[in-house]
Amino acid sequence: MESGGLGYDELVAEAELNDAAAFGYGAKLGILLKPHDKVALGLSYTFKSTLTFKGELDMDMTAQFNDAFGRMVNGAIAQGLSPDEAQQAVMQQLAQMGIDPSKGMSTTYDAEIEFAWPQKLGFGIAVTATDELLLGFDVTWIDWSDTMDEFKLKLTGGDNENINTLIGDDEITAALPLKWQDQIVMAFGLQYEFVDNLYGRLGYNYGRNPVPYTTVFPVFPAIVEHHLALGMGYEYKFFGINAAYEHAFANKQKASINSRVANEYNRSKSTLAEDTVHLMVSFQF
């Protein structure tokens, strides 16, 4: 946002989202075929599901306002006013704008955020190589371009008159560009039965980074590509327990010289690696 000769090209603030919650539902269809005793084929489709998170967002523009105030005072001093005269002139100018510094520069909004999980289409094949060894391969298409084209945020009910005056309203509607690309994820895995009902598992998958360099930013760097997983499982009659460790190898990406998200992210560098532990206990009756 341009701001009248103070040298800014964006309006920024510190913000914290609290108590955001959403309710949603999803559906998945699948079919399993066994053309041979040792071969199984699977096809699955996951429907798109949409979530609307609601919570409160606390926004603080104190640091930015103090910086702007200092620039205005320095500008007045450069025109020949003394420091005291410059401060008085700036205070008068702010009052004419309807801004009262004694009311502070922080506010609370009711926040509404739209988020969606994409539709997916997957195909898999499993081959029983030996009595103990099972091999598997999956390929999945993920429709990121539909659900991650932009990030929508709506803020309403701002309770600070100063900020409402600066923005021109007590609400903000924003659509952050993401422009993610569709992704093909390929996964390979094997399962080996060491003794009766005790299984060891090893898996690897790769999906090309769907985030373009024009919209990548450190707050949301979903850029990992390579994953490796190790797991164990035990099943006995109606009871089963499965555990796995998954590692997403670090990936780095540099933003473009002109970020579409915000100028502060121009040429920024994002790095992401993840470690996840999975545990599932199941009962069959």
C-alpha atoms as a PDB file:
ATOM      1  CA  MET A   1       0.000   0.000   0.000  1.00  0.00           C
ATOM      2  CA  GLU A   2       1.407   3.418  -0.951  1.00  0.00           C
ATOM      3  CA  SER A   3       1.573   5.806   1.998  1.00  0.00           C
ATOM      4  CA  GLY A   4       1.993   9.427   1.020  1.00  0.00           C
ATOM      5  CA  GLY A   5       5.685  10.113   0.689  1.00  0.00           C
ATOM      6  CA  LEU A   6       6.942   8.258   3.777  1.00  0.00           C
ATOM      7  CA  GLY A   7       8.881   5.787   1.645  1.00  0.00           C
ATOM      8  CA  TYR A   8       6.698   2.715   2.251  1.00  0.00           C
ATOM      9  CA  ASP A   9       5.386   0.461  -0.490  1.00  0.00           C
ATOM     10  CA  GLU A  10       3.478  -1.902   1.846  1.00  0.00           C
ATOM     11  CA  LEU A  11       1.429  -1.666   5.013  1.00  0.00           C
ATOM     12  CA  VAL A  12       2.654  -4.344   7.427  1.00  0.00           C
ATOM     13  CA  ALA A  13       1.791  -5.361  10.973  1.00  0.00           C
ATOM     14  CA  GLU A  14       2.476  -7.991  13.627  1.00  0.00           C
ATOM     15  CA  ALA A  15      -0.394 -10.466  13.908  1.00  0.00           C
ATOM     16  CA  GLU A  16      -1.317 -13.549  15.944  1.00  0.00           C
ATOM     17  CA  LEU A  17      -4.204 -15.901  15.186  1.00  0.00           C
ATOM     18  CA  ASN A  18      -5.857 -17.463  18.237  1.00  0.00           C
ATOM     19  CA  ASP A  19      -8.370 -20.271  18.805  1.00  0.00           C
ATOM     20  CA  ALA A  20      -8.957 -20.982  15.124  1.00  0.00           C
ATOM     21  CA  ALA A  21     -11.199 -24.006  14.595  1.00  0.00           C
ATOM     22  CA  ALA A  22     -13.107 -25.541  11.699  1.00  0.00           C
ATOM     23  CA  PHE A  23     -15.436 -28.432  10.946  1.00  0.00           C
ATOM     24  CA  GLY A  24     -15.477 -30.289   7.660  1.00  0.00           C
ATOM     25  CA  TYR A  25     -16.103 -33.613   5.989  1.00  0.00           C
ATOM     26  CA  GLY A  26     -14.551 -35.624   3.184  1.00  0.00           C
ATOM     27  CA  ALA A  27     -15.093 -38.748   1.140  1.00  0.00           C
ATOM     28  CA  LYS A  28     -12.945 -41.305  -0.624  1.00  0.00           C
ATOM     29  CA  LEU A  29     -13.834 -44.041  -3.110  1.00  0.00           C
ATOM     30  CA  GLY A  30     -11.695 -47.017  -3.988  1.00  0.00           C
ATOM     31  CA  ILE A  31     -11.666 -50.316  -5.837  1.00  0.00           C
ATOM     32  CA  LEU A  32      -9.378 -53.315  -5.392  1.00  0.00           C
ATOM     33  CA  LEU A  33      -8.815 -55.959  -8.080  1.00  0.00           C
ATOM     34  CA  LYS A  34      -6.841 -59.220  -7.872  1.00  0.00           C
ATOM     35  CA  PRO A  35      -6.053 -60.433 -11.402  1.00  0.00           C
ATOM     36  CA  HIS A  36      -3.622 -62.975  -9.907  1.00  0.00           C
ATOM     37  CA  ASP A  37      -3.070 -64.590  -6.497  1.00  0.00           C
ATOM     38  CA  LYS A  38       0.156 -62.652  -6.113  1.00  0.00           C
ATOM     39  CA  VAL A  39      -0.916 -59.357  -7.705  1.00  0.00           C
ATOM     40  CA  ALA A  40      -3.380 -56.720  -6.472  1.00  0.00           C
ATOM     41  CA  LEU A  41      -4.393 -53.514  -8.244  1.00  0.00           C
ATOM     42  CA  GLY A  42      -6.024 -50.535  -6.574  1.00  0.00           C
ATOM     43  CA  LEU A  43      -7.634 -47.313  -7.758  1.00  0.00           C
ATOM     44  CA  SER A  44      -8.789 -44.538  -5.427  1.00  0.00           C
ATOM     45  CA  TYR A  45     -10.340 -41.091  -5.675  1.00  0.00           C
ATOM     46  CA  THR A  46     -10.398 -38.544  -2.840  1.00  0.00           C
ATOM     47  CA  PHE A  47     -12.954 -35.747  -3.067  1.00  0.00           C
ATOM     48  CA  LYS A  48     -12.051 -32.135  -2.440  1.00  0.00           C
ATOM     49  CA  SER A  49     -12.972 -30.976   1.065  1.00  0.00           C
ATOM     50  CA  THR A  50     -13.296 -27.378   2.244  1.00  0.00           C
ATOM     51  CA  LEU A  51     -12.726 -25.969   5.714  1.00  0.00           C
ATOM     52  CA  THR A  52     -13.553 -22.505   7.023  1.00  0.00           C
ATOM     53  CA  PHE A  53     -11.507 -21.671  10.109  1.00  0.00           C
ATOM     54  CA  LYS A  54     -12.892 -19.088  12.536  1.00  0.00           C
ATOM     55  CA  GLY A  55     -11.028 -17.451  15.385  1.00  0.00           C
ATOM     56  CA  GLU A  56      -9.613 -14.155  16.628  1.00  0.00           C
ATOM     57  CA  LEU A  57      -6.663 -12.293  15.194  1.00  0.00           C
ATOM     58  CA  ASP A  58      -4.700  -9.802  17.292  1.00  0.00           C
ATOM     59  CA  MET A  59      -2.906  -7.203  15.171  1.00  0.00           C
ATOM     60  CA  ASP A  60      -0.315  -4.726  16.436  1.00  0.00           C
ATOM     61  CA  MET A  61       0.956  -1.828  14.315  1.00  0.00           C
ATOM     62  CA  THR A  62       2.811  -0.033  17.132  1.00  0.00           C
ATOM     63  CA  ALA A  63       6.297  -0.519  15.704  1.00  0.00           C
ATOM     64  CA  GLN A  64       5.194   0.539  12.227  1.00  0.00           C
ATOM     65  CA  PHE A  65       3.339   3.603  13.555  1.00  0.00           C
ATOM     66  CA  ASN A  66       6.341   4.678  15.646  1.00  0.00           C
ATOM     67  CA  ASP A  67       8.562   4.389  12.583  1.00  0.00           C
ATOM     68  CA  ALA A  68       6.144   6.473  10.510  1.00  0.00           C
ATOM     69  CA  PHE A  69       5.836   9.038  13.303  1.00  0.00           C
ATOM     70  CA  GLY A  70       9.625   9.381  13.427  1.00  0.00           C
ATOM     71  CA  ARG A  71       9.819   9.889   9.676  1.00  0.00           C
ATOM     72  CA  MET A  72       7.142  12.570   9.817  1.00  0.00           C
ATOM     73  CA  VAL A  73       8.964  14.388  12.628  1.00  0.00           C
ATOM     74  CA  ASN A  74      12.275  14.220  10.770  1.00  0.00           C
ATOM     75  CA  GLY A  75      10.556  15.566   7.681  1.00  0.00           C
ATOM     76  CA  ALA A  76       9.202  18.503   9.669  1.00  0.00           C
ATOM     77  CA  ILE A  77      12.647  19.191  11.178  1.00  0.00           C
ATOM     78  CA  ALA A  78      14.125  19.151   7.671  1.00  0.00           C
ATOM     79  CA  GLN A  79      11.706  21.968   6.839  1.00  0.00           C
ATOM     80  CA  GLY A  80      13.218  24.138   9.581  1.00  0.00           C
ATOM     81  CA  LEU A  81      11.142  23.322  12.660  1.00  0.00           C
ATOM     82  CA  SER A  82      12.691  22.570  16.035  1.00  0.00           C
ATOM     83  CA  PRO A  83      12.220  19.011  17.411  1.00  0.00           C
ATOM     84  CA  ASP A  84       9.460  20.174  19.785  1.00  0.00           C
ATOM     85  CA  GLU A  85       7.737  22.178  17.065  1.00  0.00           C
ATOM     86  CA  ALA A  86       8.049  19.247  14.680  1.00  0.00           C
ATOM     87  CA  GLN A  87       6.385  16.844  17.144  1.00  0.00           C
ATOM     88  CA  GLN A  88       3.569  19.301  17.800  1.00  0.00           C
ATOM     89  CA  ALA A  89       3.031  19.784  14.070  1.00  0.00           C
ATOM     90  CA  VAL A  90       2.895  16.026  13.485  1.00  0.00           C
ATOM     91  CA  MET A  91       0.471  15.517  16.384  1.00  0.00           C
ATOM     92  CA  GLN A  92      -1.773  18.212  14.908  1.00  0.00           C
ATOM     93  CA  GLN A  93      -1.566  16.566  11.483  1.00  0.00           C
ATOM     94  CA  LEU A  94      -2.522  13.187  12.958  1.00  0.00           C
ATOM     95  CA  ALA A  95      -5.449  14.741  14.813  1.00  0.00           C
ATOM     96  CA  GLN A  96      -6.710  16.214  11.557  1.00  0.00           C
ATOM     97  CA  MET A  97      -6.568  12.689  10.113  1.00  0.00           C
ATOM     98  CA  GLY A  98      -8.636  11.383  13.041  1.00  0.00           C
ATOM     99  CA  ILE A  99      -5.777   9.484  14.697  1.00  0.00           C
ATOM    100  CA  ASP A 100      -5.304   9.651  18.482  1.00  0.00           C
ATOM    101  CA  PRO A 101      -1.954   8.065  19.523  1.00  0.00           C
ATOM    102  CA  SER A 102      -3.225   7.675  23.110  1.00  0.00           C
ATOM    103  CA  LYS A 103      -5.585   4.936  21.869  1.00  0.00           C
ATOM    104  CA  GLY A 104      -2.652   2.817  20.724  1.00  0.00           C
ATOM    105  CA  MET A 105      -2.182   0.922  17.486  1.00  0.00           C
ATOM    106  CA  SER A 106      -3.364  -2.599  18.298  1.00  0.00           C
ATOM    107  CA  THR A 107      -6.708  -4.205  17.558  1.00  0.00           C
ATOM    108  CA  THR A 108      -8.595  -7.504  17.547  1.00  0.00           C
ATOM    109  CA  TYR A 109     -10.532  -8.884  14.592  1.00  0.00           C
ATOM    110  CA  ASP A 110     -12.904 -11.787  14.093  1.00  0.00           C
ATOM    111  CA  ALA A 111     -11.008 -13.918  11.580  1.00  0.00           C
ATOM    112  CA  GLU A 112     -12.318 -16.247   8.890  1.00  0.00           C
ATOM    113  CA  ILE A 113      -9.894 -18.293   6.795  1.00  0.00           C
ATOM    114  CA  GLU A 114     -10.820 -20.517   3.868  1.00  0.00           C
ATOM    115  CA  PHE A 115      -8.736 -23.652   3.382  1.00  0.00           C
ATOM    116  CA  ALA A 116      -9.304 -26.744   1.266  1.00  0.00           C
ATOM    117  CA  TRP A 117      -7.728 -30.166   0.791  1.00  0.00           C
ATOM    118  CA  PRO A 118      -7.436 -31.034  -2.898  1.00  0.00           C
ATOM    119  CA  GLN A 119      -8.975 -33.852  -4.871  1.00  0.00           C
ATOM    120  CA  LYS A 120      -6.626 -36.778  -5.500  1.00  0.00           C
ATOM    121  CA  LEU A 121      -6.543 -39.670  -7.923  1.00  0.00           C
ATOM    122  CA  GLY A 122      -4.303 -42.632  -7.144  1.00  0.00           C
ATOM    123  CA  PHE A 123      -3.313 -45.962  -8.628  1.00  0.00           C
ATOM    124  CA  GLY A 124      -1.362 -48.708  -6.892  1.00  0.00           C
ATOM    125  CA  ILE A 125      -0.031 -52.206  -7.446  1.00  0.00           C
ATOM    126  CA  ALA A 126       1.101 -54.743  -4.859  1.00  0.00           C
ATOM    127  CA  VAL A 127       3.062 -57.904  -5.672  1.00  0.00           C
ATOM    128  CA  THR A 128       3.623 -60.810  -3.286  1.00  0.00           C
ATOM    129  CA  ALA A 129       7.191 -61.656  -4.270  1.00  0.00           C
ATOM    130  CA  THR A 130       7.603 -64.434  -1.668  1.00  0.00           C
ATOM    131  CA  ASP A 131       5.630 -65.702   1.283  1.00  0.00           C
ATOM    132  CA  GLU A 132       7.435 -63.116   3.429  1.00  0.00           C
ATOM    133  CA  LEU A 133       8.002 -60.224   1.015  1.00  0.00           C
ATOM    134  CA  LEU A 134       5.381 -57.814  -0.327  1.00  0.00           C
ATOM    135  CA  LEU A 135       6.312 -55.069  -2.831  1.00  0.00           C
ATOM    136  CA  GLY A 136       4.206 -52.032  -3.636  1.00  0.00           C
ATOM    137  CA  PHE A 137       4.135 -49.037  -5.973  1.00  0.00           C
ATOM    138  CA  ASP A 138       1.710 -46.076  -5.966  1.00  0.00           C
ATOM    139  CA  VAL A 139       1.291 -43.013  -8.141  1.00  0.00           C
ATOM    140  CA  THR A 140      -1.024 -40.167  -7.073  1.00  0.00           C
ATOM    141  CA  TRP A 141      -2.141 -36.994  -8.821  1.00  0.00           C
ATOM    142  CA  ILE A 142      -2.889 -34.082  -6.450  1.00  0.00           C
ATOM    143  CA  ASP A 143      -4.930 -31.115  -7.701  1.00  0.00           C
ATOM    144  CA  TRP A 144      -3.091 -28.340  -5.826  1.00  0.00           C
ATOM    145  CA  SER A 145      -3.793 -25.760  -8.552  1.00  0.00           C
ATOM    146  CA  ASP A 146      -7.467 -25.701  -7.536  1.00  0.00           C
ATOM    147  CA  THR A 147      -7.216 -25.472  -3.753  1.00  0.00           C
ATOM    148  CA  MET A 148      -3.921 -23.610  -3.394  1.00  0.00           C
ATOM    149  CA  ASP A 149      -4.363 -20.903  -6.006  1.00  0.00           C
ATOM    150  CA  GLU A 150      -4.755 -18.308  -3.263  1.00  0.00           C
ATOM    151  CA  PHE A 151      -5.095 -18.041   0.511  1.00  0.00           C
ATOM    152  CA  LYS A 152      -8.256 -16.180   1.521  1.00  0.00           C
ATOM    153  CA  LEU A 153      -8.511 -14.227   4.765  1.00  0.00           C
ATOM    154  CA  LYS A 154     -11.370 -12.056   6.035  1.00  0.00           C
ATOM    155  CA  LEU A 155     -11.076  -9.903   9.159  1.00  0.00           C
ATOM    156  CA  THR A 156     -14.123  -8.113  10.598  1.00  0.00           C
ATOM    157  CA  GLY A 157     -15.065  -6.046  13.643  1.00  0.00           C
ATOM    158  CA  GLY A 158     -11.797  -4.175  14.180  1.00  0.00           C
ATOM    159  CA  ASP A 159     -12.080  -2.428  17.562  1.00  0.00           C
ATOM    160  CA  ASN A 160      -9.407   0.301  17.246  1.00  0.00           C
ATOM    161  CA  GLU A 161     -10.495   3.572  15.631  1.00  0.00           C
ATOM    162  CA  ASN A 162      -6.915   4.508  14.734  1.00  0.00           C
ATOM    163  CA  ILE A 163      -6.356   1.392  12.639  1.00  0.00           C
ATOM    164  CA  ASN A 164      -9.842   1.624  11.146  1.00  0.00           C
ATOM    165  CA  THR A 165      -9.013   5.165  10.050  1.00  0.00           C
ATOM    166  CA  LEU A 166      -5.683   4.152   8.520  1.00  0.00           C
ATOM    167  CA  ILE A 167      -7.224   1.231   6.631  1.00  0.00           C
ATOM    168  CA  GLY A 168     -10.473   3.017   5.829  1.00  0.00           C
ATOM    169  CA  ASP A 169     -12.749   0.358   7.309  1.00  0.00           C
ATOM    170  CA  ASP A 170     -13.183  -1.948  10.302  1.00  0.00           C
ATOM    171  CA  GLU A 171     -12.648  -5.025   8.136  1.00  0.00           C
ATOM    172  CA  ILE A 172      -9.996  -6.423   5.810  1.00  0.00           C
ATOM    173  CA  THR A 173     -10.450  -8.910   2.990  1.00  0.00           C
ATOM    174  CA  ALA A 174      -7.293 -10.326   1.476  1.00  0.00           C
ATOM    175  CA  ALA A 175      -6.389 -13.036  -1.014  1.00  0.00           C
ATOM    176  CA  LEU A 176      -2.750 -14.080  -0.769  1.00  0.00           C
ATOM    177  CA  PRO A 177      -1.505 -15.489  -4.107  1.00  0.00           C
ATOM    178  CA  LEU A 178      -0.020 -18.996  -3.913  1.00  0.00           C
ATOM    179  CA  LYS A 179      -0.384 -20.388  -7.455  1.00  0.00           C
ATOM    180  CA  TRP A 180       0.696 -23.928  -6.546  1.00  0.00           C
ATOM    181  CA  GLN A 181       1.084 -26.411  -9.387  1.00  0.00           C
ATOM    182  CA  ASP A 182      -0.455 -29.878  -9.582  1.00  0.00           C
ATOM    183  CA  GLN A 183       1.761 -32.650  -8.270  1.00  0.00           C
ATOM    184  CA  ILE A 184       2.476 -36.268  -9.168  1.00  0.00           C
ATOM    185  CA  VAL A 185       3.694 -38.294  -6.177  1.00  0.00           C
ATOM    186  CA  MET A 186       5.386 -41.668  -6.748  1.00  0.00           C
ATOM    187  CA  ALA A 187       5.828 -44.061  -3.839  1.00  0.00           C
ATOM    188  CA  PHE A 188       7.718 -47.344  -3.497  1.00  0.00           C
ATOM    189  CA  GLY A 189       7.553 -49.673  -0.523  1.00  0.00           C
ATOM    190  CA  LEU A 190       8.184 -53.148   0.785  1.00  0.00           C
ATOM    191  CA  GLN A 191       6.926 -55.185   3.697  1.00  0.00           C
ATOM    192  CA  TYR A 192       8.783 -58.164   5.121  1.00  0.00           C
ATOM    193  CA  GLU A 193       7.344 -60.637   7.638  1.00  0.00           C
ATOM    194  CA  PHE A 194      10.214 -61.557   9.983  1.00  0.00           C
ATOM    195  CA  VAL A 195       8.195 -64.050  12.013  1.00  0.00           C
ATOM    196  CA  ASP A 196       4.493 -64.817  12.106  1.00  0.00           C
ATOM    197  CA  ASN A 197       2.494 -61.550  12.322  1.00  0.00           C
ATOM    198  CA  LEU A 198       5.565 -59.313  12.827  1.00  0.00           C
ATOM    199  CA  TYR A 199       6.261 -57.017   9.888  1.00  0.00           C
ATOM    200  CA  GLY A 200       9.016 -54.600   8.946  1.00  0.00           C
ATOM    201  CA  ARG A 201       8.376 -51.874   6.368  1.00  0.00           C
ATOM    202  CA  LEU A 202      10.460 -49.531   4.245  1.00  0.00           C
ATOM    203  CA  GLY A 203       9.088 -46.821   1.953  1.00  0.00           C
ATOM    204  CA  TYR A 204      10.178 -43.929  -0.226  1.00  0.00           C
ATOM    205  CA  ASN A 205       8.201 -41.344  -2.144  1.00  0.00           C
ATOM    206  CA  TYR A 206       8.961 -38.395  -4.375  1.00  0.00           C
ATOM    207  CA  GLY A 207       6.797 -35.487  -5.445  1.00  0.00           C
ATOM    208  CA  ARG A 208       8.116 -32.453  -7.302  1.00  0.00           C
ATOM    209  CA  ASN A 209       7.841 -29.253  -5.285  1.00  0.00           C
ATOM    210  CA  PRO A 210       4.496 -27.639  -6.258  1.00  0.00           C
ATOM    211  CA  VAL A 211       5.367 -24.146  -4.956  1.00  0.00           C
ATOM    212  CA  PRO A 212       6.595 -21.648  -7.605  1.00  0.00           C
ATOM    213  CA  TYR A 213       9.547 -19.420  -6.754  1.00  0.00           C
ATOM    214  CA  THR A 214       7.355 -16.338  -7.269  1.00  0.00           C
ATOM    215  CA  THR A 215       5.131 -17.205  -4.261  1.00  0.00           C
ATOM    216  CA  VAL A 216       7.346 -19.241  -1.920  1.00  0.00           C
ATOM    217  CA  PHE A 217       7.785 -17.605   1.483  1.00  0.00           C
ATOM    218  CA  PRO A 218       9.219 -18.781   4.831  1.00  0.00           C
ATOM    219  CA  VAL A 219       5.893 -18.720   6.713  1.00  0.00           C
ATOM    220  CA  PHE A 220       4.469 -21.543   4.558  1.00  0.00           C
ATOM    221  CA  PRO A 221       7.373 -23.358   2.863  1.00  0.00           C
ATOM    222  CA  ALA A 222       5.691 -26.594   1.704  1.00  0.00           C
ATOM    223  CA  ILE A 223       8.625 -27.432  -0.562  1.00  0.00           C
ATOM    224  CA  VAL A 224       9.917 -30.874   0.491  1.00  0.00           C
ATOM    225  CA  GLU A 225      10.228 -33.486  -2.279  1.00  0.00           C
ATOM    226  CA  HIS A 226      11.912 -36.652  -0.961  1.00  0.00           C
ATOM    227  CA  HIS A 227      10.511 -38.766   1.910  1.00  0.00           C
ATOM    228  CA  LEU A 228      11.852 -41.943   3.524  1.00  0.00           C
ATOM    229  CA  ALA A 229       9.865 -44.023   6.006  1.00  0.00           C
ATOM    230  CA  LEU A 230      10.682 -46.967   8.297  1.00  0.00           C
ATOM    231  CA  GLY A 231       8.036 -48.920  10.168  1.00  0.00           C
ATOM    232  CA  MET A 232       7.093 -51.997  12.158  1.00  0.00           C
ATOM    233  CA  GLY A 233       3.776 -53.715  12.620  1.00  0.00           C
ATOM    234  CA  TYR A 234       2.347 -56.559  14.675  1.00  0.00           C
ATOM    235  CA  GLU A 235      -1.042 -58.203  14.245  1.00  0.00           C
ATOM    236  CA  TYR A 236      -2.590 -60.903  16.385  1.00  0.00           C
ATOM    237  CA  LYS A 237      -6.159 -62.075  15.940  1.00  0.00           C
ATOM    238  CA  PHE A 238      -8.336 -58.972  16.481  1.00  0.00           C
ATOM    239  CA  PHE A 239      -5.493 -56.684  17.615  1.00  0.00           C
ATOM    240  CA  GLY A 240      -2.926 -54.734  15.602  1.00  0.00           C
ATOM    241  CA  ILE A 241      -0.306 -52.097  16.317  1.00  0.00           C
ATOM    242  CA  ASN A 242       1.722 -50.222  13.706  1.00  0.00           C
ATOM    243  CA  ALA A 243       4.413 -47.590  14.131  1.00  0.00           C
ATOM    244  CA  ALA A 244       6.506 -45.659  11.612  1.00  0.00           C
ATOM    245  CA  TYR A 245       9.104 -42.920  11.406  1.00  0.00           C
ATOM    246  CA  GLU A 246       9.039 -40.620   8.371  1.00  0.00           C
ATOM    247  CA  HIS A 247      11.771 -38.205   7.337  1.00  0.00           C
ATOM    248  CA  ALA A 248      11.304 -35.488   4.717  1.00  0.00           C
ATOM    249  CA  PHE A 249      14.721 -34.473   3.448  1.00  0.00           C
ATOM    250  CA  ALA A 250      15.598 -30.786   3.553  1.00  0.00           C
ATOM    251  CA  ASN A 251      14.838 -28.770   0.467  1.00  0.00           C
ATOM    252  CA  LYS A 252      15.766 -25.156  -0.224  1.00  0.00           C
ATOM    253  CA  GLN A 253      14.151 -22.599  -2.486  1.00  0.00           C
ATOM    254  CA  LYS A 254      14.915 -18.947  -3.176  1.00  0.00           C
ATOM    255  CA  ALA A 255      12.107 -16.511  -3.887  1.00  0.00           C
ATOM    256  CA  SER A 256      12.088 -14.407  -7.010  1.00  0.00           C
ATOM    257  CA  ILE A 257      13.342 -10.825  -7.052  1.00  0.00           C
ATOM    258  CA  ASN A 258       9.700  -9.681  -7.209  1.00  0.00           C
ATOM    259  CA  SER A 259       7.690 -11.860  -4.826  1.00  0.00           C
ATOM    260  CA  ARG A 260       3.951 -11.963  -5.530  1.00  0.00           C
ATOM    261  CA  VAL A 261       3.254 -12.471  -1.813  1.00  0.00           C
ATOM    262  CA  ALA A 262       4.961  -9.366  -0.385  1.00  0.00           C
ATOM    263  CA  ASN A 263       8.030  -7.280  -1.112  1.00  0.00           C
ATOM    264  CA  GLU A 264       9.566  -8.293   2.211  1.00  0.00           C
ATOM    265  CA  TYR A 265      10.003 -11.799   0.762  1.00  0.00           C
ATOM    266  CA  ASN A 266      11.932 -10.675  -2.321  1.00  0.00           C
ATOM    267  CA  ARG A 267      14.934 -13.015  -2.728  1.00  0.00           C
ATOM    268  CA  SER A 268      14.154 -14.667   0.613  1.00  0.00           C
ATOM    269  CA  LYS A 269      15.360 -18.231   1.186  1.00  0.00           C
ATOM    270  CA  SER A 270      13.087 -20.996   2.465  1.00  0.00           C
ATOM    271  CA  THR A 271      14.312 -24.299   3.875  1.00  0.00           C
ATOM    272  CA  LEU A 272      12.146 -27.136   5.146  1.00  0.00           C
ATOM    273  CA  ALA A 273      12.760 -30.609   6.570  1.00  0.00           C
ATOM    274  CA  GLU A 274      10.295 -32.675   8.584  1.00  0.00           C
ATOM    275  CA  ASP A 275      10.379 -35.640  10.955  1.00  0.00           C
ATOM    276  CA  THR A 276       7.115 -37.384  11.757  1.00  0.00           C
ATOM    277  CA  VAL A 277       6.252 -40.351  13.980  1.00  0.00           C
ATOM    278  CA  HIS A 278       3.083 -42.362  13.267  1.00  0.00           C
ATOM    279  CA  LEU A 279       1.379 -44.741  15.691  1.00  0.00           C
ATOM    280  CA  MET A 280      -1.825 -46.680  15.030  1.00  0.00           C
ATOM    281  CA  VAL A 281      -3.609 -49.191  17.225  1.00  0.00           C
ATOM    282  CA  SER A 282      -6.491 -51.163  15.700  1.00  0.00           C
ATOM    283  CA  PHE A 283      -9.123 -53.637  16.875  1.00  0.00           C
ATOM    284  CA  GLN A 284     -11.348 -55.857  14.765  1.00  0.00           C
ATOM    285  CA  PHE A 285     -14.584 -57.274  16.090  1.00  0.00           C
END
